PDB file of all heavy atoms in Angstrom:
ATOM      1  N   VAL A   1      30.929  41.521  89.683  1.00  0.00           N
ATOM      2  CA  VAL A   1      31.473  42.679  88.988  1.00  0.00           C
ATOM      3  C   VAL A   1      30.360  43.525  88.416  1.00  0.00           C
ATOM      4  O   VAL A   1      30.356  44.740  88.497  1.00  0.00           O
ATOM      5  CB  VAL A   1      32.493  42.219  87.949  1.00  0.00           C
ATOM      6  CG1 VAL A   1      32.939  43.465  87.119  1.00  0.00           C
ATOM      7  CG2 VAL A   1      33.723  41.638  88.599  1.00  0.00           C
ATOM      8  N   SER A   2      29.423  42.845  87.691  1.00  0.00           N
ATOM      9  CA  SER A   2      28.359  43.572  87.050  1.00  0.00           C
ATOM     10  C   SER A   2      27.498  44.350  88.059  1.00  0.00           C
ATOM     11  O   SER A   2      26.929  45.380  87.813  1.00  0.00           O
ATOM     12  CB  SER A   2      27.479  42.695  86.189  1.00  0.00           C
ATOM     13  OG  SER A   2      26.912  41.686  86.903  1.00  0.00           O
ATOM     14  N   VAL A   3      27.342  43.747  89.225  1.00  0.00           N
ATOM     15  CA  VAL A   3      26.564  44.415  90.313  1.00  0.00           C
ATOM     16  C   VAL A   3      27.332  45.683  90.748  1.00  0.00           C
ATOM     17  O   VAL A   3      26.692  46.738  90.957  1.00  0.00           O
ATOM     18  CB  VAL A   3      26.406  43.482  91.513  1.00  0.00           C
ATOM     19  CG1 VAL A   3      25.677  44.168  92.631  1.00  0.00           C
ATOM     20  CG2 VAL A   3      25.643  42.225  91.080  1.00  0.00           C
ATOM     21  N   LEU A   4      28.607  45.580  90.963  1.00  0.00           N
ATOM     22  CA  LEU A   4      29.399  46.787  91.321  1.00  0.00           C
ATOM     23  C   LEU A   4      29.250  47.841  90.285  1.00  0.00           C
ATOM     24  O   LEU A   4      29.026  49.050  90.604  1.00  0.00           O
ATOM     25  CB  LEU A   4      30.878  46.365  91.495  1.00  0.00           C
ATOM     26  CG  LEU A   4      31.868  47.453  91.848  1.00  0.00           C
ATOM     27  CD1 LEU A   4      31.559  48.100  93.200  1.00  0.00           C
ATOM     28  CD2 LEU A   4      33.315  46.920  91.894  1.00  0.00           C
ATOM     29  N   ASP A   5      29.405  47.503  88.988  1.00  0.00           N
ATOM     30  CA  ASP A   5      29.258  48.467  87.954  1.00  0.00           C
ATOM     31  C   ASP A   5      27.863  49.111  87.963  1.00  0.00           C
ATOM     32  O   ASP A   5      27.738  50.384  87.810  1.00  0.00           O
ATOM     33  CB  ASP A   5      29.464  47.866  86.587  1.00  0.00           C
ATOM     34  CG  ASP A   5      30.980  47.563  86.346  1.00  0.00           C
ATOM     35  OD1 ASP A   5      31.804  48.189  87.003  1.00  0.00           O
ATOM     36  OD2 ASP A   5      31.307  46.698  85.500  1.00  0.00           O
ATOM     37  N   ALA A   6      26.843  48.246  88.217  1.00  0.00           N
ATOM     38  CA  ALA A   6      25.446  48.817  88.193  1.00  0.00           C
ATOM     39  C   ALA A   6      25.236  49.860  89.303  1.00  0.00           C
ATOM     40  O   ALA A   6      24.532  50.844  89.124  1.00  0.00           O
ATOM     41  CB  ALA A   6      24.441  47.683  88.231  1.00  0.00           C
ATOM     42  N   LEU A   7      25.809  49.534  90.466  1.00  0.00           N
ATOM     43  CA  LEU A   7      25.618  50.437  91.607  1.00  0.00           C
ATOM     44  C   LEU A   7      26.279  51.812  91.350  1.00  0.00           C
ATOM     45  O   LEU A   7      25.683  52.892  91.641  1.00  0.00           O
ATOM     46  CB  LEU A   7      26.222  49.805  92.868  1.00  0.00           C
ATOM     47  CG  LEU A   7      25.503  48.596  93.432  1.00  0.00           C
ATOM     48  CD1 LEU A   7      26.305  47.954  94.502  1.00  0.00           C
ATOM     49  CD2 LEU A   7      24.096  48.976  93.880  1.00  0.00           C
ATOM     50  N   ILE A   8      27.425  51.811  90.728  1.00  0.00           N
ATOM     51  CA  ILE A   8      28.087  53.048  90.346  1.00  0.00           C
ATOM     52  C   ILE A   8      27.344  53.758  89.301  1.00  0.00           C
ATOM     53  O   ILE A   8      27.134  55.034  89.379  1.00  0.00           O
ATOM     54  CB  ILE A   8      29.562  52.748  89.906  1.00  0.00           C
ATOM     55  CG1 ILE A   8      30.375  52.230  91.119  1.00  0.00           C
ATOM     56  CG2 ILE A   8      30.198  54.008  89.340  1.00  0.00           C
ATOM     57  CD1 ILE A   8      31.733  51.772  90.774  1.00  0.00           C
ATOM     58  N   ASP A   9      26.848  53.073  88.323  1.00  0.00           N
ATOM     59  CA  ASP A   9      26.139  53.689  87.198  1.00  0.00           C
ATOM     60  C   ASP A   9      24.847  54.342  87.720  1.00  0.00           C
ATOM     61  O   ASP A   9      24.342  55.334  87.142  1.00  0.00           O
ATOM     62  CB  ASP A   9      25.770  52.675  86.144  1.00  0.00           C
ATOM     63  CG  ASP A   9      26.914  52.178  85.295  1.00  0.00           C
ATOM     64  OD1 ASP A   9      27.993  52.848  85.370  1.00  0.00           O
ATOM     65  OD2 ASP A   9      26.870  51.192  84.640  1.00  0.00           O
ATOM     66  N   ALA A  10      24.257  53.749  88.857  1.00  0.00           N
ATOM     67  CA  ALA A  10      23.045  54.276  89.395  1.00  0.00           C
ATOM     68  C   ALA A  10      23.318  55.498  90.306  1.00  0.00           C
ATOM     69  O   ALA A  10      22.334  56.112  90.836  1.00  0.00           O
ATOM     70  CB  ALA A  10      22.347  53.242  90.197  1.00  0.00           C
ATOM     71  N   GLY A  11      24.552  55.890  90.476  1.00  0.00           N
ATOM     72  CA  GLY A  11      24.883  57.115  91.206  1.00  0.00           C
ATOM     73  C   GLY A  11      25.261  56.863  92.695  1.00  0.00           C
ATOM     74  O   GLY A  11      25.413  57.812  93.421  1.00  0.00           O
ATOM     75  N   HIS A  12      25.361  55.603  93.057  1.00  0.00           N
ATOM     76  CA  HIS A  12      25.702  55.346  94.452  1.00  0.00           C
ATOM     77  C   HIS A  12      27.183  55.489  94.717  1.00  0.00           C
ATOM     78  O   HIS A  12      28.007  55.311  93.784  1.00  0.00           O
ATOM     79  CB  HIS A  12      25.288  53.917  94.868  1.00  0.00           C
ATOM     80  CG  HIS A  12      23.792  53.680  94.821  1.00  0.00           C
ATOM     81  ND1 HIS A  12      22.941  54.329  95.695  1.00  0.00           N
ATOM     82  CD2 HIS A  12      23.007  53.060  93.950  1.00  0.00           C
ATOM     83  CE1 HIS A  12      21.704  53.926  95.406  1.00  0.00           C
ATOM     84  NE2 HIS A  12      21.711  53.211  94.332  1.00  0.00           N
ATOM     85  N   GLU A  13      27.548  55.780  95.953  1.00  0.00           N
ATOM     86  CA  GLU A  13      28.954  55.974  96.265  1.00  0.00           C
ATOM     87  C   GLU A  13      29.473  54.653  96.968  1.00  0.00           C
ATOM     88  O   GLU A  13      28.862  54.208  97.961  1.00  0.00           O
ATOM     89  CB  GLU A  13      29.129  57.155  97.254  1.00  0.00           C
ATOM     90  CG  GLU A  13      30.564  57.346  97.688  1.00  0.00           C
ATOM     91  CD  GLU A  13      30.698  58.437  98.725  1.00  0.00           C
ATOM     92  OE1 GLU A  13      29.707  59.085  99.099  1.00  0.00           O
ATOM     93  OE2 GLU A  13      31.846  58.664  99.219  1.00  0.00           O
ATOM     94  N   ILE A  14      30.492  54.091  96.375  1.00  0.00           N
ATOM     95  CA  ILE A  14      31.100  52.923  96.987  1.00  0.00           C
ATOM     96  C   ILE A  14      32.178  53.355  97.965  1.00  0.00           C
ATOM     97  O   ILE A  14      33.281  53.762  97.519  1.00  0.00           O
ATOM     98  CB  ILE A  14      31.667  51.996  95.905  1.00  0.00           C
ATOM     99  CG1 ILE A  14      30.617  51.673  94.846  1.00  0.00           C
ATOM    100  CG2 ILE A  14      32.148  50.662  96.562  1.00  0.00           C
ATOM    101  CD1 ILE A  14      29.355  50.965  95.306  1.00  0.00           C
ATOM    102  N   VAL A  15      31.950  53.257  99.209  1.00  0.00           N
ATOM    103  CA  VAL A  15      32.926  53.784 100.166  1.00  0.00           C
ATOM    104  C   VAL A  15      34.009  52.772 100.476  1.00  0.00           C
ATOM    105  O   VAL A  15      35.083  53.187 100.956  1.00  0.00           O
ATOM    106  CB  VAL A  15      32.221  54.225 101.539  1.00  0.00           C
ATOM    107  CG1 VAL A  15      31.279  55.391 101.253  1.00  0.00           C
ATOM    108  CG2 VAL A  15      31.415  53.020 102.139  1.00  0.00           C
ATOM    109  N   ALA A  16      33.791  51.505 100.229  1.00  0.00           N
ATOM    110  CA  ALA A  16      34.853  50.536 100.438  1.00  0.00           C
ATOM    111  C   ALA A  16      34.410  49.238  99.738  1.00  0.00           C
ATOM    112  O   ALA A  16      33.199  48.876  99.648  1.00  0.00           O
ATOM    113  CB  ALA A  16      35.106  50.275 101.931  1.00  0.00           C
ATOM    114  N   VAL A  17      35.416  48.533  99.225  1.00  0.00           N
ATOM    115  CA  VAL A  17      35.174  47.188  98.660  1.00  0.00           C
ATOM    116  C   VAL A  17      35.908  46.155  99.438  1.00  0.00           C
ATOM    117  O   VAL A  17      37.116  46.293  99.676  1.00  0.00           O
ATOM    118  CB  VAL A  17      35.633  47.184  97.165  1.00  0.00           C
ATOM    119  CG1 VAL A  17      35.557  45.779  96.598  1.00  0.00           C
ATOM    120  CG2 VAL A  17      34.801  48.149  96.306  1.00  0.00           C
ATOM    121  N   PHE A  18      35.183  45.132  99.752  1.00  0.00           N
ATOM    122  CA  PHE A  18      35.861  43.965 100.454  1.00  0.00           C
ATOM    123  C   PHE A  18      35.742  42.728  99.470  1.00  0.00           C
ATOM    124  O   PHE A  18      34.690  42.486  98.912  1.00  0.00           O
ATOM    125  CB  PHE A  18      35.197  43.612 101.771  1.00  0.00           C
ATOM    126  CG  PHE A  18      35.592  44.512 102.921  1.00  0.00           C
ATOM    127  CD1 PHE A  18      35.305  45.851 102.889  1.00  0.00           C
ATOM    128  CD2 PHE A  18      36.315  43.920 103.962  1.00  0.00           C
ATOM    129  CE1 PHE A  18      35.709  46.676 103.929  1.00  0.00           C
ATOM    130  CE2 PHE A  18      36.723  44.691 105.013  1.00  0.00           C
ATOM    131  CZ  PHE A  18      36.424  46.105 105.002  1.00  0.00           C
ATOM    132  N   CYS A  19      36.816  42.013  99.355  1.00  0.00           N
ATOM    133  CA  CYS A  19      36.845  40.838  98.534  1.00  0.00           C
ATOM    134  C   CYS A  19      37.808  39.766  99.080  1.00  0.00           C
ATOM    135  O   CYS A  19      38.508  40.052 100.003  1.00  0.00           O
ATOM    136  CB  CYS A  19      37.190  41.135  97.069  1.00  0.00           C
ATOM    137  SG  CYS A  19      38.809  41.960  96.886  1.00  0.00           S
ATOM    138  N   GLN A  20      37.869  38.606  98.452  1.00  0.00           N
ATOM    139  CA  GLN A  20      38.855  37.590  98.884  1.00  0.00           C
ATOM    140  C   GLN A  20      40.223  38.030  98.501  1.00  0.00           C
ATOM    141  O   GLN A  20      40.468  38.713  97.550  1.00  0.00           O
ATOM    142  CB  GLN A  20      38.455  36.230  98.248  1.00  0.00           C
ATOM    143  CG  GLN A  20      37.214  35.612  98.859  1.00  0.00           C
ATOM    144  CD  GLN A  20      37.458  35.085 100.217  1.00  0.00           C
ATOM    145  OE1 GLN A  20      38.199  34.094 100.405  1.00  0.00           O
ATOM    146  NE2 GLN A  20      36.840  35.649 101.178  1.00  0.00           N
ATOM    147  N   PRO A  21      41.232  37.585  99.238  1.00  0.00           N
ATOM    148  CA  PRO A  21      42.640  37.938  98.903  1.00  0.00           C
ATOM    149  C   PRO A  21      43.050  37.394  97.560  1.00  0.00           C
ATOM    150  O   PRO A  21      42.480  36.353  97.120  1.00  0.00           O
ATOM    151  CB  PRO A  21      43.458  37.332 100.002  1.00  0.00           C
ATOM    152  CG  PRO A  21      42.445  37.017 101.131  1.00  0.00           C
ATOM    153  CD  PRO A  21      41.164  36.743 100.501  1.00  0.00           C
ATOM    154  N   PRO A  22      44.094  38.006  96.932  1.00  0.00           N
ATOM    155  CA  PRO A  22      44.602  37.410  95.683  1.00  0.00           C
ATOM    156  C   PRO A  22      45.158  35.986  95.982  1.00  0.00           C
ATOM    157  O   PRO A  22      45.635  35.718  97.074  1.00  0.00           O
ATOM    158  CB  PRO A  22      45.772  38.366  95.339  1.00  0.00           C
ATOM    159  CG  PRO A  22      45.376  39.652  96.017  1.00  0.00           C
ATOM    160  CD  PRO A  22      44.684  39.273  97.245  1.00  0.00           C
ATOM    161  N   ARG A  23      45.058  35.153  94.962  1.00  0.00           N
ATOM    162  CA  ARG A  23      45.513  33.729  95.189  1.00  0.00           C
ATOM    163  C   ARG A  23      46.381  33.330  93.957  1.00  0.00           C
ATOM    164  O   ARG A  23      46.218  33.887  92.825  1.00  0.00           O
ATOM    165  CB  ARG A  23      44.313  32.774  95.262  1.00  0.00           C
ATOM    166  CG  ARG A  23      43.568  32.990  96.556  1.00  0.00           C
ATOM    167  CD  ARG A  23      42.539  31.825  96.733  1.00  0.00           C
ATOM    168  NE  ARG A  23      42.016  31.811  98.058  1.00  0.00           N
ATOM    169  CZ  ARG A  23      40.975  32.517  98.529  1.00  0.00           C
ATOM    170  NH1 ARG A  23      40.320  33.282  97.665  1.00  0.00           N
ATOM    171  NH2 ARG A  23      40.479  32.442  99.755  1.00  0.00           N
ATOM    172  N   PRO A  24      47.318  32.381  94.163  1.00  0.00           N
ATOM    173  CA  PRO A  24      48.126  31.973  93.030  1.00  0.00           C
ATOM    174  C   PRO A  24      47.305  31.377  91.877  1.00  0.00           C
ATOM    175  O   PRO A  24      46.327  30.617  92.099  1.00  0.00           O
ATOM    176  CB  PRO A  24      49.011  30.863  93.671  1.00  0.00           C
ATOM    177  CG  PRO A  24      49.041  31.088  95.117  1.00  0.00           C
ATOM    178  CD  PRO A  24      47.652  31.706  95.376  1.00  0.00           C
ATOM    179  N   ALA A  25      47.701  31.798  90.672  1.00  0.00           N
ATOM    180  CA  ALA A  25      46.927  31.286  89.469  1.00  0.00           C
ATOM    181  C   ALA A  25      47.844  31.328  88.327  1.00  0.00           C
ATOM    182  O   ALA A  25      48.925  31.980  88.311  1.00  0.00           O
ATOM    183  CB  ALA A  25      45.767  32.239  89.234  1.00  0.00           C
ATOM    184  N   GLY A  26      47.440  30.566  87.262  1.00  0.00           N
ATOM    185  CA  GLY A  26      48.293  30.563  86.041  1.00  0.00           C
ATOM    186  C   GLY A  26      49.468  29.624  86.149  1.00  0.00           C
ATOM    187  O   GLY A  26      49.752  29.036  87.223  1.00  0.00           O
ATOM    188  N   ARG A  27      50.203  29.520  85.090  1.00  0.00           N
ATOM    189  CA  ARG A  27      51.389  28.582  85.131  1.00  0.00           C
ATOM    190  C   ARG A  27      52.458  28.988  86.112  1.00  0.00           C
ATOM    191  O   ARG A  27      53.155  28.244  86.664  1.00  0.00           O
ATOM    192  CB  ARG A  27      51.940  28.542  83.706  1.00  0.00           C
ATOM    193  CG  ARG A  27      51.075  27.854  82.653  1.00  0.00           C
ATOM    194  CD  ARG A  27      51.660  27.781  81.330  1.00  0.00           C
ATOM    195  NE  ARG A  27      50.822  27.038  80.395  1.00  0.00           N
ATOM    196  CZ  ARG A  27      51.146  26.843  79.164  1.00  0.00           C
ATOM    197  NH1 ARG A  27      52.282  27.264  78.668  1.00  0.00           N
ATOM    198  NH2 ARG A  27      50.297  26.143  78.362  1.00  0.00           N
ATOM    199  N   GLY A  28      52.621  30.380  86.247  1.00  0.00           N
ATOM    200  CA  GLY A  28      53.637  30.886  87.178  1.00  0.00           C
ATOM    201  C   GLY A  28      53.241  30.859  88.629  1.00  0.00           C
ATOM    202  O   GLY A  28      53.990  31.146  89.534  1.00  0.00           O
ATOM    203  N   LYS A  29      51.948  30.532  88.861  1.00  0.00           N
ATOM    204  CA  LYS A  29      51.386  30.536  90.255  1.00  0.00           C
ATOM    205  C   LYS A  29      51.640  31.824  91.003  1.00  0.00           C
ATOM    206  O   LYS A  29      51.873  31.830  92.184  1.00  0.00           O
ATOM    207  CB  LYS A  29      52.000  29.341  91.027  1.00  0.00           C
ATOM    208  CG  LYS A  29      51.613  27.983  90.457  1.00  0.00           C
ATOM    209  CD  LYS A  29      50.106  27.735  90.525  1.00  0.00           C
ATOM    210  CE  LYS A  29      49.696  26.407  89.953  1.00  0.00           C
ATOM    211  NZ  LYS A  29      48.208  26.205  89.922  1.00  0.00           N
ATOM    212  N   LYS A  30      51.549  32.925  90.217  1.00  0.00           N
ATOM    213  CA  LYS A  30      51.675  34.251  90.839  1.00  0.00           C
ATOM    214  C   LYS A  30      50.328  34.672  91.445  1.00  0.00           C
ATOM    215  O   LYS A  30      49.257  34.331  90.881  1.00  0.00           O
ATOM    216  CB  LYS A  30      52.171  35.258  89.865  1.00  0.00           C
ATOM    217  CG  LYS A  30      53.598  35.040  89.316  1.00  0.00           C
ATOM    218  CD  LYS A  30      54.028  36.068  88.370  1.00  0.00           C
ATOM    219  CE  LYS A  30      55.449  35.809  87.880  1.00  0.00           C
ATOM    220  NZ  LYS A  30      55.872  36.948  86.988  1.00  0.00           N
ATOM    221  N   ASP A  31      50.360  35.501  92.494  1.00  0.00           N
ATOM    222  CA  ASP A  31      49.105  35.918  93.066  1.00  0.00           C
ATOM    223  C   ASP A  31      48.365  36.801  92.039  1.00  0.00           C
ATOM    224  O   ASP A  31      48.916  37.678  91.433  1.00  0.00           O
ATOM    225  CB  ASP A  31      49.439  36.769  94.317  1.00  0.00           C
ATOM    226  CG  ASP A  31      49.639  35.925  95.543  1.00  0.00           C
ATOM    227  OD1 ASP A  31      49.559  34.737  95.407  1.00  0.00           O
ATOM    228  OD2 ASP A  31      50.092  36.471  96.536  1.00  0.00           O
TER     229      ASP A  31
END
């Protein structure tokens, strides 16, 4: 996350973000 913020603060354009899919978490096991 801090890397993403630093790139934006430096004036770069983030054309797309790829990450892992949401996963169940917490007591309710919601995505």
